[in-house]
Amino acid sequence: MNMSLIIVNKYVPNVNFIAWERALAFILEDVYSQEEAIELAQESVPLTQGAIMMTLHNDSKNYLKVGEKIINLL
């Protein structure tokens, strides 16, 4: 395996998550300032991503807790 690909994948954010953050921030700008919307999106996307990963372990409690936290953030 090419080591440069491993290094790039490790240190370069996934473009899909950046697009997800930007889309969420754009939606949140209807209610929050641009800066607040970006901050909320940057908090919400990783929380959701982590919660999704937890479902791989058949642990829905953490997924539901994250959902509540995101609702409270927004």
N, C-alpha and C. Protein backbone atom coordinates (compact mmCIF):
# COMPACT_ATOMS: atom_id res chain seq x y z
N MET A 1 0.84 -1.18 0.00
CA MET A 1 0.00 0.00 0.00
C MET A 1 0.89 1.24 0.00
N ASN A 2 0.45 2.25 -0.69
CA ASN A 2 1.20 3.49 -0.80
C ASN A 2 1.09 4.29 0.50
N MET A 3 2.23 4.52 1.17
CA MET A 3 2.22 5.23 2.45
C MET A 3 1.72 6.66 2.32
N SER A 4 1.93 7.30 1.17
CA SER A 4 1.46 8.68 1.02
C SER A 4 -0.06 8.74 1.07
N LEU A 5 -0.72 7.71 0.56
CA LEU A 5 -2.18 7.69 0.63
C LEU A 5 -2.66 7.55 2.07
N ILE A 6 -1.96 6.76 2.85
CA ILE A 6 -2.32 6.60 4.26
C ILE A 6 -2.16 7.93 4.98
N ILE A 7 -1.07 8.62 4.74
CA ILE A 7 -0.82 9.90 5.39
C ILE A 7 -1.86 10.92 4.97
N VAL A 8 -2.17 11.00 3.68
CA VAL A 8 -3.17 11.96 3.20
C VAL A 8 -4.52 11.64 3.82
N ASN A 9 -4.92 10.37 3.82
CA ASN A 9 -6.22 10.00 4.39
C ASN A 9 -6.29 10.30 5.88
N LYS A 10 -5.16 10.22 6.56
CA LYS A 10 -5.14 10.46 7.99
C LYS A 10 -5.27 11.94 8.32
N TYR A 11 -4.67 12.81 7.51
CA TYR A 11 -4.59 14.22 7.87
C TYR A 11 -5.49 15.16 7.05
N VAL A 12 -6.09 14.68 5.99
CA VAL A 12 -6.96 15.52 5.18
C VAL A 12 -8.40 15.14 5.49
N PRO A 13 -9.22 16.12 5.93
CA PRO A 13 -10.61 15.81 6.26
C PRO A 13 -11.37 15.26 5.05
N ASN A 14 -12.28 14.39 5.32
CA ASN A 14 -13.10 13.81 4.27
C ASN A 14 -13.97 14.90 3.66
N VAL A 15 -13.92 15.01 2.35
CA VAL A 15 -14.64 16.05 1.64
C VAL A 15 -16.14 15.96 1.90
N ASN A 16 -16.67 14.75 2.04
CA ASN A 16 -18.11 14.61 2.28
C ASN A 16 -18.52 15.23 3.60
N PHE A 17 -17.66 15.12 4.62
CA PHE A 17 -18.00 15.72 5.90
C PHE A 17 -17.90 17.24 5.84
N ILE A 18 -16.97 17.75 5.07
CA ILE A 18 -16.88 19.20 4.88
C ILE A 18 -18.13 19.71 4.20
N ALA A 19 -18.59 19.00 3.18
CA ALA A 19 -19.81 19.39 2.48
C ALA A 19 -21.01 19.33 3.42
N TRP A 20 -21.05 18.33 4.28
CA TRP A 20 -22.13 18.17 5.25
C TRP A 20 -22.12 19.35 6.22
N GLU A 21 -20.94 19.71 6.73
CA GLU A 21 -20.82 20.85 7.63
C GLU A 21 -21.28 22.14 6.96
N ARG A 22 -20.85 22.36 5.73
CA ARG A 22 -21.22 23.58 5.00
C ARG A 22 -22.73 23.64 4.77
N ALA A 23 -23.32 22.51 4.39
CA ALA A 23 -24.76 22.49 4.14
C ALA A 23 -25.53 22.77 5.42
N LEU A 24 -25.12 22.15 6.53
CA LEU A 24 -25.80 22.38 7.80
C LEU A 24 -25.63 23.83 8.24
N ALA A 25 -24.42 24.36 8.10
CA ALA A 25 -24.18 25.76 8.47
C ALA A 25 -25.07 26.69 7.65
N PHE A 26 -25.20 26.42 6.37
CA PHE A 26 -26.03 27.24 5.49
C PHE A 26 -27.48 27.24 5.97
N ILE A 27 -27.97 26.07 6.35
CA ILE A 27 -29.35 25.97 6.86
C ILE A 27 -29.49 26.73 8.18
N LEU A 28 -28.51 26.60 9.06
CA LEU A 28 -28.58 27.23 10.37
C LEU A 28 -28.45 28.74 10.31
N GLU A 29 -27.93 29.27 9.21
CA GLU A 29 -27.79 30.72 9.07
C GLU A 29 -29.14 31.44 9.03
N ASP A 30 -30.23 30.70 8.83
CA ASP A 30 -31.56 31.31 8.90
C ASP A 30 -31.89 31.74 10.33
N VAL A 31 -31.24 31.09 11.30
CA VAL A 31 -31.55 31.34 12.70
C VAL A 31 -30.37 31.97 13.46
N TYR A 32 -29.15 31.59 13.08
CA TYR A 32 -27.95 32.02 13.78
C TYR A 32 -27.07 32.88 12.88
N SER A 33 -26.15 33.59 13.48
CA SER A 33 -25.17 34.32 12.69
C SER A 33 -24.32 33.31 11.92
N GLN A 34 -23.61 33.78 10.91
CA GLN A 34 -22.79 32.87 10.12
C GLN A 34 -21.75 32.16 11.00
N GLU A 35 -21.12 32.91 11.88
CA GLU A 35 -20.09 32.33 12.77
C GLU A 35 -20.69 31.26 13.69
N GLU A 36 -21.85 31.59 14.29
CA GLU A 36 -22.51 30.62 15.18
C GLU A 36 -22.95 29.38 14.41
N ALA A 37 -23.47 29.58 13.20
CA ALA A 37 -23.93 28.47 12.38
C ALA A 37 -22.78 27.53 12.04
N ILE A 38 -21.63 28.09 11.70
CA ILE A 38 -20.46 27.27 11.38
C ILE A 38 -20.01 26.49 12.61
N GLU A 39 -19.97 27.16 13.76
CA GLU A 39 -19.55 26.48 15.00
C GLU A 39 -20.50 25.34 15.35
N LEU A 40 -21.80 25.59 15.23
CA LEU A 40 -22.77 24.54 15.53
C LEU A 40 -22.64 23.36 14.56
N ALA A 41 -22.43 23.66 13.30
CA ALA A 41 -22.27 22.60 12.30
C ALA A 41 -21.01 21.79 12.59
N GLN A 42 -19.94 22.49 12.97
CA GLN A 42 -18.69 21.80 13.25
C GLN A 42 -18.78 20.94 14.51
N GLU A 43 -19.69 21.24 15.41
CA GLU A 43 -19.92 20.40 16.58
C GLU A 43 -20.87 19.25 16.25
N SER A 44 -21.90 19.55 15.49
CA SER A 44 -22.97 18.57 15.25
C SER A 44 -22.54 17.43 14.33
N VAL A 45 -21.80 17.74 13.30
CA VAL A 45 -21.42 16.70 12.33
C VAL A 45 -20.56 15.62 12.98
N PRO A 46 -19.48 15.97 13.71
CA PRO A 46 -18.70 14.90 14.34
C PRO A 46 -19.49 14.13 15.41
N LEU A 47 -20.37 14.82 16.12
CA LEU A 47 -21.20 14.11 17.10
C LEU A 47 -22.07 13.07 16.42
N THR A 48 -22.67 13.47 15.31
CA THR A 48 -23.52 12.54 14.57
C THR A 48 -22.70 11.39 14.00
N GLN A 49 -21.55 11.71 13.45
CA GLN A 49 -20.67 10.68 12.89
C GLN A 49 -20.29 9.66 13.96
N GLY A 50 -19.92 10.14 15.13
CA GLY A 50 -19.56 9.24 16.22
C GLY A 50 -20.72 8.39 16.67
N ALA A 51 -21.89 8.99 16.73
CA ALA A 51 -23.09 8.25 17.14
C ALA A 51 -23.41 7.15 16.14
N ILE A 52 -23.24 7.46 14.87
CA ILE A 52 -23.49 6.45 13.84
C ILE A 52 -22.52 5.28 14.01
N MET A 53 -21.26 5.60 14.29
CA MET A 53 -20.27 4.54 14.50
C MET A 53 -20.64 3.67 15.70
N MET A 54 -21.22 4.27 16.73
CA MET A 54 -21.60 3.50 17.91
C MET A 54 -22.71 2.50 17.60
N THR A 55 -23.53 2.77 16.60
CA THR A 55 -24.59 1.82 16.25
C THR A 55 -24.00 0.53 15.69
N LEU A 56 -22.75 0.57 15.24
CA LEU A 56 -22.09 -0.65 14.77
C LEU A 56 -21.89 -1.63 15.91
N HIS A 57 -21.90 -1.12 17.15
CA HIS A 57 -21.73 -1.96 18.33
C HIS A 57 -23.07 -2.28 18.98
N ASN A 58 -24.15 -2.05 18.24
CA ASN A 58 -25.51 -2.30 18.74
C ASN A 58 -25.79 -1.56 20.04
N ASP A 59 -25.30 -0.34 20.13
CA ASP A 59 -25.49 0.48 21.33
C ASP A 59 -26.29 1.73 20.97
N SER A 60 -27.59 1.63 21.01
CA SER A 60 -28.43 2.75 20.61
C SER A 60 -28.51 3.84 21.68
N LYS A 61 -28.14 3.54 22.92
CA LYS A 61 -28.20 4.55 23.98
C LYS A 61 -27.33 5.75 23.66
N ASN A 62 -26.10 5.49 23.25
CA ASN A 62 -25.21 6.60 22.91
C ASN A 62 -25.73 7.38 21.72
N TYR A 63 -26.28 6.68 20.75
CA TYR A 63 -26.83 7.34 19.57
C TYR A 63 -27.96 8.29 19.96
N LEU A 64 -28.83 7.84 20.85
CA LEU A 64 -29.94 8.67 21.29
C LEU A 64 -29.46 9.85 22.14
N LYS A 65 -28.43 9.64 22.97
CA LYS A 65 -27.87 10.74 23.77
C LYS A 65 -27.30 11.83 22.87
N VAL A 66 -26.61 11.41 21.83
CA VAL A 66 -26.04 12.38 20.89
C VAL A 66 -27.15 13.14 20.19
N GLY A 67 -28.19 12.44 19.81
CA GLY A 67 -29.33 13.12 19.19
C GLY A 67 -29.91 14.20 20.08
N GLU A 68 -30.05 13.90 21.37
CA GLU A 68 -30.55 14.89 22.33
C GLU A 68 -29.59 16.06 22.45
N LYS A 69 -28.29 15.76 22.48
CA LYS A 69 -27.29 16.83 22.60
C LYS A 69 -27.34 17.76 21.39
N ILE A 70 -27.49 17.18 20.21
CA ILE A 70 -27.55 18.01 19.00
C ILE A 70 -28.82 18.87 19.02
N ILE A 71 -29.91 18.30 19.44
CA ILE A 71 -31.16 19.09 19.54
C ILE A 71 -30.96 20.25 20.49
N ASN A 72 -30.29 20.00 21.62
CA ASN A 72 -30.03 21.08 22.58
C ASN A 72 -29.07 22.12 22.04
N LEU A 73 -28.11 21.69 21.23
CA LEU A 73 -27.17 22.64 20.62
C LEU A 73 -27.90 23.60 19.69
N LEU A 74 -28.85 23.04 18.96
CA LEU A 74 -29.53 23.84 17.94
C LEU A 74 -30.70 24.57 18.54
